[in-house]
Amino acid sequence: MPTVIRTALTADAPALAALHARARATYYPEGLPEKVVDATAMWREAVERREGHVLCAVREGRIVGLASFRTPEGEAADTVALFQFHVDPDHWRAGVGAALHAACVEEWRADGIRTVTLDVHRENRRAQAFYARHGWQPAEPGEGAGTHLRMRLSVPAEGAEGAGE
């Protein structure tokens, strides 16, 4: 079954919020931390943010993956942070993550992005292995908040061999 990668729409916010919750639940064995947040409103804001971008992976009309990135305040214009990257657990190891990552890299190249960072939960070894397979490296030792590890990807120039390809 083919995976279609497209820009997320405001109307996708409820599906993005539900997918985000399902994916996060897999690396919080005691359950998701209690937070009073309107996840749908959070995703609506992410989709509508002018300086950011949200991509989604769709199979058979259902959103099965998402990626949200933007240049963090105060960072160089050729740097973005990948704030969210999730695949529905029912679609792990089915090529969705690889297709979504490749689409991100393609967009970063087209936008002249050279460096991408992300913070991954320290206990989420599966995600860390995925990122490593796609060219991500641990950032400087000690970078990242206590429960997270910072990783970095150098985006190769257009036409170069590299990450996620």
C-alpha atoms as a PDB file:
ATOM      1  CA  MET A   1       0.000   0.000   0.000  1.00  0.00           C
ATOM      2  CA  PRO A   2       1.466   3.351  -1.010  1.00  0.00           C
ATOM      3  CA  THR A   3       2.308   6.085   1.474  1.00  0.00           C
ATOM      4  CA  VAL A   4       1.454   9.644   0.451  1.00  0.00           C
ATOM      5  CA  ILE A   5       3.393  12.426   2.170  1.00  0.00           C
ATOM      6  CA  ARG A   6       1.672  15.797   2.209  1.00  0.00           C
ATOM      7  CA  THR A   7       1.522  19.045   4.129  1.00  0.00           C
ATOM      8  CA  ALA A   8      -0.841  18.750   7.068  1.00  0.00           C
ATOM      9  CA  LEU A   9      -4.038  20.795   7.026  1.00  0.00           C
ATOM     10  CA  THR A  10      -5.794  22.505   9.925  1.00  0.00           C
ATOM     11  CA  ALA A  11      -8.581  19.923   9.617  1.00  0.00           C
ATOM     12  CA  ASP A  12      -5.974  17.195  10.356  1.00  0.00           C
ATOM     13  CA  ALA A  13      -5.347  18.486  13.898  1.00  0.00           C
ATOM     14  CA  PRO A  14      -7.593  15.924  15.699  1.00  0.00           C
ATOM     15  CA  ALA A  15      -5.971  13.012  13.817  1.00  0.00           C
ATOM     16  CA  LEU A  16      -2.477  14.415  14.484  1.00  0.00           C
ATOM     17  CA  ALA A  17      -3.262  14.743  18.207  1.00  0.00           C
ATOM     18  CA  ALA A  18      -4.575  11.166  18.406  1.00  0.00           C
ATOM     19  CA  LEU A  19      -1.562   9.755  16.544  1.00  0.00           C
ATOM     20  CA  HIS A  20       0.827  11.761  18.734  1.00  0.00           C
ATOM     21  CA  ALA A  21      -0.779  10.326  21.896  1.00  0.00           C
ATOM     22  CA  ARG A  22      -0.686   6.715  20.595  1.00  0.00           C
ATOM     23  CA  ALA A  23       2.969   6.976  19.592  1.00  0.00           C
ATOM     24  CA  ARG A  24       4.098   8.677  22.813  1.00  0.00           C
ATOM     25  CA  ALA A  25       2.343   6.058  24.935  1.00  0.00           C
ATOM     26  CA  THR A  26       4.794   3.442  23.635  1.00  0.00           C
ATOM     27  CA  TYR A  27       7.802   4.993  25.355  1.00  0.00           C
ATOM     28  CA  TYR A  28       6.137   5.944  28.637  1.00  0.00           C
ATOM     29  CA  PRO A  29       5.672   2.493  30.219  1.00  0.00           C
ATOM     30  CA  GLU A  30       3.897   3.971  33.265  1.00  0.00           C
ATOM     31  CA  GLY A  31       1.579   5.964  31.023  1.00  0.00           C
ATOM     32  CA  LEU A  32       1.739   9.455  29.594  1.00  0.00           C
ATOM     33  CA  PRO A  33       2.737  12.207  32.007  1.00  0.00           C
ATOM     34  CA  GLU A  34      -0.275  14.110  33.273  1.00  0.00           C
ATOM     35  CA  LYS A  35      -0.616  17.393  31.441  1.00  0.00           C
ATOM     36  CA  VAL A  36      -3.591  19.613  31.005  1.00  0.00           C
ATOM     37  CA  VAL A  37      -3.205  20.540  27.365  1.00  0.00           C
ATOM     38  CA  ASP A  38      -5.563  20.710  24.454  1.00  0.00           C
ATOM     39  CA  ALA A  39      -3.591  18.533  22.048  1.00  0.00           C
ATOM     40  CA  THR A  40      -5.881  19.277  19.122  1.00  0.00           C
ATOM     41  CA  ALA A  41      -5.398  23.030  19.643  1.00  0.00           C
ATOM     42  CA  MET A  42      -1.625  22.471  19.924  1.00  0.00           C
ATOM     43  CA  TRP A  43      -1.568  20.658  16.569  1.00  0.00           C
ATOM     44  CA  ARG A  44      -3.855  23.234  14.958  1.00  0.00           C
ATOM     45  CA  GLU A  45      -1.387  25.935  16.038  1.00  0.00           C
ATOM     46  CA  ALA A  46       1.592  23.905  14.714  1.00  0.00           C
ATOM     47  CA  VAL A  47      -0.084  23.451  11.319  1.00  0.00           C
ATOM     48  CA  GLU A  48      -1.013  27.129  11.065  1.00  0.00           C
ATOM     49  CA  ARG A  49       2.377  28.461  12.239  1.00  0.00           C
ATOM     50  CA  ARG A  50       3.861  30.462   9.365  1.00  0.00           C
ATOM     51  CA  GLU A  51       7.480  29.741  10.231  1.00  0.00           C
ATOM     52  CA  GLY A  52       6.986  26.008  10.718  1.00  0.00           C
ATOM     53  CA  HIS A  53       5.951  22.995   8.714  1.00  0.00           C
ATOM     54  CA  VAL A  54       4.003  19.839   9.491  1.00  0.00           C
ATOM     55  CA  LEU A  55       4.105  16.898   7.105  1.00  0.00           C
ATOM     56  CA  CYS A  56       1.896  13.857   7.418  1.00  0.00           C
ATOM     57  CA  ALA A  57       2.083  10.368   6.002  1.00  0.00           C
ATOM     58  CA  VAL A  58      -1.230   9.000   4.745  1.00  0.00           C
ATOM     59  CA  ARG A  59      -2.164   5.405   3.924  1.00  0.00           C
ATOM     60  CA  GLU A  60      -5.626   4.388   2.769  1.00  0.00           C
ATOM     61  CA  GLY A  61      -6.959   7.819   3.738  1.00  0.00           C
ATOM     62  CA  ARG A  62      -5.644   7.651   7.328  1.00  0.00           C
ATOM     63  CA  ILE A  63      -2.802   9.697   8.834  1.00  0.00           C
ATOM     64  CA  VAL A  64      -0.193   7.182   9.994  1.00  0.00           C
ATOM     65  CA  GLY A  65       2.838   9.455  10.483  1.00  0.00           C
ATOM     66  CA  LEU A  66       3.716  13.060  11.232  1.00  0.00           C
ATOM     67  CA  ALA A  67       6.736  15.348  11.300  1.00  0.00           C
ATOM     68  CA  SER A  68       6.807  18.896  12.653  1.00  0.00           C
ATOM     69  CA  PHE A  69       9.823  21.187  12.251  1.00  0.00           C
ATOM     70  CA  ARG A  70      10.828  24.842  12.243  1.00  0.00           C
ATOM     71  CA  THR A  71      13.800  27.125  12.831  1.00  0.00           C
ATOM     72  CA  PRO A  72      14.006  27.704  16.581  1.00  0.00           C
ATOM     73  CA  GLU A  73      14.053  31.289  17.756  1.00  0.00           C
ATOM     74  CA  GLY A  74      17.590  32.677  17.714  1.00  0.00           C
ATOM     75  CA  GLU A  75      19.013  29.928  15.468  1.00  0.00           C
ATOM     76  CA  ALA A  76      20.635  30.378  12.064  1.00  0.00           C
ATOM     77  CA  ALA A  77      18.289  30.335   9.064  1.00  0.00           C
ATOM     78  CA  ASP A  78      19.930  27.133   7.761  1.00  0.00           C
ATOM     79  CA  THR A  79      19.050  25.229  10.954  1.00  0.00           C
ATOM     80  CA  VAL A  80      15.777  23.588  11.923  1.00  0.00           C
ATOM     81  CA  ALA A  81      14.622  21.521  14.860  1.00  0.00           C
ATOM     82  CA  LEU A  82      12.525  18.433  14.300  1.00  0.00           C
ATOM     83  CA  PHE A  83      10.087  18.885  17.176  1.00  0.00           C
ATOM     84  CA  GLN A  84       7.854  15.884  16.504  1.00  0.00           C
ATOM     85  CA  PHE A  85       8.316  12.762  14.401  1.00  0.00           C
ATOM     86  CA  HIS A  86       5.898   9.914  15.044  1.00  0.00           C
ATOM     87  CA  VAL A  87       4.559   6.864  13.223  1.00  0.00           C
ATOM     88  CA  ASP A  88       1.420   5.063  14.320  1.00  0.00           C
ATOM     89  CA  PRO A  89       2.636   1.946  16.200  1.00  0.00           C
ATOM     90  CA  ASP A  90       0.412  -0.223  13.978  1.00  0.00           C
ATOM     91  CA  HIS A  91       2.584   0.907  11.021  1.00  0.00           C
ATOM     92  CA  TRP A  92       6.063   0.524  12.497  1.00  0.00           C
ATOM     93  CA  ARG A  93       8.594  -1.270  10.285  1.00  0.00           C
ATOM     94  CA  ALA A  94       6.346  -0.788   7.233  1.00  0.00           C
ATOM     95  CA  GLY A  95       8.317   1.988   5.512  1.00  0.00           C
ATOM     96  CA  VAL A  96       6.205   4.894   6.765  1.00  0.00           C
ATOM     97  CA  GLY A  97       8.979   6.423   8.884  1.00  0.00           C
ATOM     98  CA  ALA A  98      11.559   6.035   6.120  1.00  0.00           C
ATOM     99  CA  ALA A  99       9.238   7.677   3.560  1.00  0.00           C
ATOM    100  CA  LEU A 100       8.407  10.519   5.937  1.00  0.00           C
ATOM    101  CA  HIS A 101      12.069  11.064   6.828  1.00  0.00           C
ATOM    102  CA  ALA A 102      13.060  11.108   3.151  1.00  0.00           C
ATOM    103  CA  ALA A 103      10.370  13.730   2.469  1.00  0.00           C
ATOM    104  CA  CYS A 104      11.696  15.851   5.339  1.00  0.00           C
ATOM    105  CA  VAL A 105      15.270  15.625   4.016  1.00  0.00           C
ATOM    106  CA  GLU A 106      14.053  16.552   0.524  1.00  0.00           C
ATOM    107  CA  GLU A 107      12.265  19.621   1.879  1.00  0.00           C
ATOM    108  CA  TRP A 108      15.239  20.624   4.042  1.00  0.00           C
ATOM    109  CA  ARG A 109      17.544  20.425   1.026  1.00  0.00           C
ATOM    110  CA  ALA A 110      15.162  22.502  -1.095  1.00  0.00           C
ATOM    111  CA  ASP A 111      14.967  25.102   1.702  1.00  0.00           C
ATOM    112  CA  GLY A 112      18.768  25.301   2.077  1.00  0.00           C
ATOM    113  CA  ILE A 113      18.759  23.733   5.542  1.00  0.00           C
ATOM    114  CA  ARG A 114      22.151  22.323   6.514  1.00  0.00           C
ATOM    115  CA  THR A 115      21.667  21.273  10.156  1.00  0.00           C
ATOM    116  CA  VAL A 116      18.717  19.642  11.891  1.00  0.00           C
ATOM    117  CA  THR A 117      18.461  18.830  15.579  1.00  0.00           C
ATOM    118  CA  LEU A 118      16.006  16.817  17.613  1.00  0.00           C
ATOM    119  CA  ASP A 119      15.566  15.717  21.202  1.00  0.00           C
ATOM    120  CA  VAL A 120      14.637  12.054  21.595  1.00  0.00           C
ATOM    121  CA  HIS A 121      13.494  10.443  24.843  1.00  0.00           C
ATOM    122  CA  ARG A 122      16.517   8.680  26.394  1.00  0.00           C
ATOM    123  CA  GLU A 123      14.487   5.518  26.988  1.00  0.00           C
ATOM    124  CA  ASN A 124      13.241   5.394  23.389  1.00  0.00           C
ATOM    125  CA  ARG A 125      15.978   3.152  21.984  1.00  0.00           C
ATOM    126  CA  ARG A 126      13.830   2.168  18.999  1.00  0.00           C
ATOM    127  CA  ALA A 127      13.604   5.805  17.862  1.00  0.00           C
ATOM    128  CA  GLN A 128      17.308   6.390  18.493  1.00  0.00           C
ATOM    129  CA  ALA A 129      18.149   3.391  16.297  1.00  0.00           C
ATOM    130  CA  PHE A 130      15.813   4.685  13.555  1.00  0.00           C
ATOM    131  CA  TYR A 131      17.498   8.091  13.563  1.00  0.00           C
ATOM    132  CA  ALA A 132      20.984   6.531  13.573  1.00  0.00           C
ATOM    133  CA  ARG A 133      20.063   4.426  10.507  1.00  0.00           C
ATOM    134  CA  HIS A 134      19.112   7.683   8.774  1.00  0.00           C
ATOM    135  CA  GLY A 135      22.400   9.464   9.481  1.00  0.00           C
ATOM    136  CA  TRP A 136      21.668  11.217  12.785  1.00  0.00           C
ATOM    137  CA  GLN A 137      24.495  11.451  15.311  1.00  0.00           C
ATOM    138  CA  PRO A 138      24.412  12.210  19.032  1.00  0.00           C
ATOM    139  CA  ALA A 139      25.107  15.913  19.534  1.00  0.00           C
ATOM    140  CA  GLU A 140      27.711  17.214  21.935  1.00  0.00           C
ATOM    141  CA  PRO A 141      27.810  15.207  25.177  1.00  0.00           C
ATOM    142  CA  GLY A 142      25.462  16.645  27.744  1.00  0.00           C
ATOM    143  CA  GLU A 143      23.195  18.366  25.200  1.00  0.00           C
ATOM    144  CA  GLY A 144      19.492  17.795  25.675  1.00  0.00           C
ATOM    145  CA  ALA A 145      17.244  18.010  28.711  1.00  0.00           C
ATOM    146  CA  GLY A 146      17.549  15.370  31.458  1.00  0.00           C
ATOM    147  CA  THR A 147      15.084  12.877  29.983  1.00  0.00           C
ATOM    148  CA  HIS A 148      16.139  13.530  26.379  1.00  0.00           C
ATOM    149  CA  LEU A 149      19.165  13.048  24.155  1.00  0.00           C
ATOM    150  CA  ARG A 150      19.983  15.659  21.512  1.00  0.00           C
ATOM    151  CA  MET A 151      20.788  14.328  18.052  1.00  0.00           C
ATOM    152  CA  ARG A 152      21.990  16.183  14.952  1.00  0.00           C
ATOM    153  CA  LEU A 153      21.752  15.579  11.206  1.00  0.00           C
ATOM    154  CA  SER A 154      23.956  17.302   8.638  1.00  0.00           C
ATOM    155  CA  VAL A 155      21.811  17.659   5.530  1.00  0.00           C
ATOM    156  CA  PRO A 156      23.879  16.970   2.421  1.00  0.00           C
ATOM    157  CA  ALA A 157      23.688  19.456  -0.427  1.00  0.00           C
ATOM    158  CA  GLU A 158      21.365  18.755  -3.349  1.00  0.00           C
ATOM    159  CA  GLY A 159      22.573  15.780  -5.364  1.00  0.00           C
ATOM    160  CA  ALA A 160      24.907  14.493  -2.630  1.00  0.00           C
ATOM    161  CA  GLU A 161      24.600  11.018  -1.181  1.00  0.00           C
ATOM    162  CA  GLY A 162      23.408  11.067   2.368  1.00  0.00           C
ATOM    163  CA  ALA A 163      20.993  10.804   5.214  1.00  0.00           C
ATOM    164  CA  GLY A 164      17.688   9.137   4.753  1.00  0.00           C
ATOM    165  CA  GLU A 165      18.297   8.107   1.158  1.00  0.00           C
END
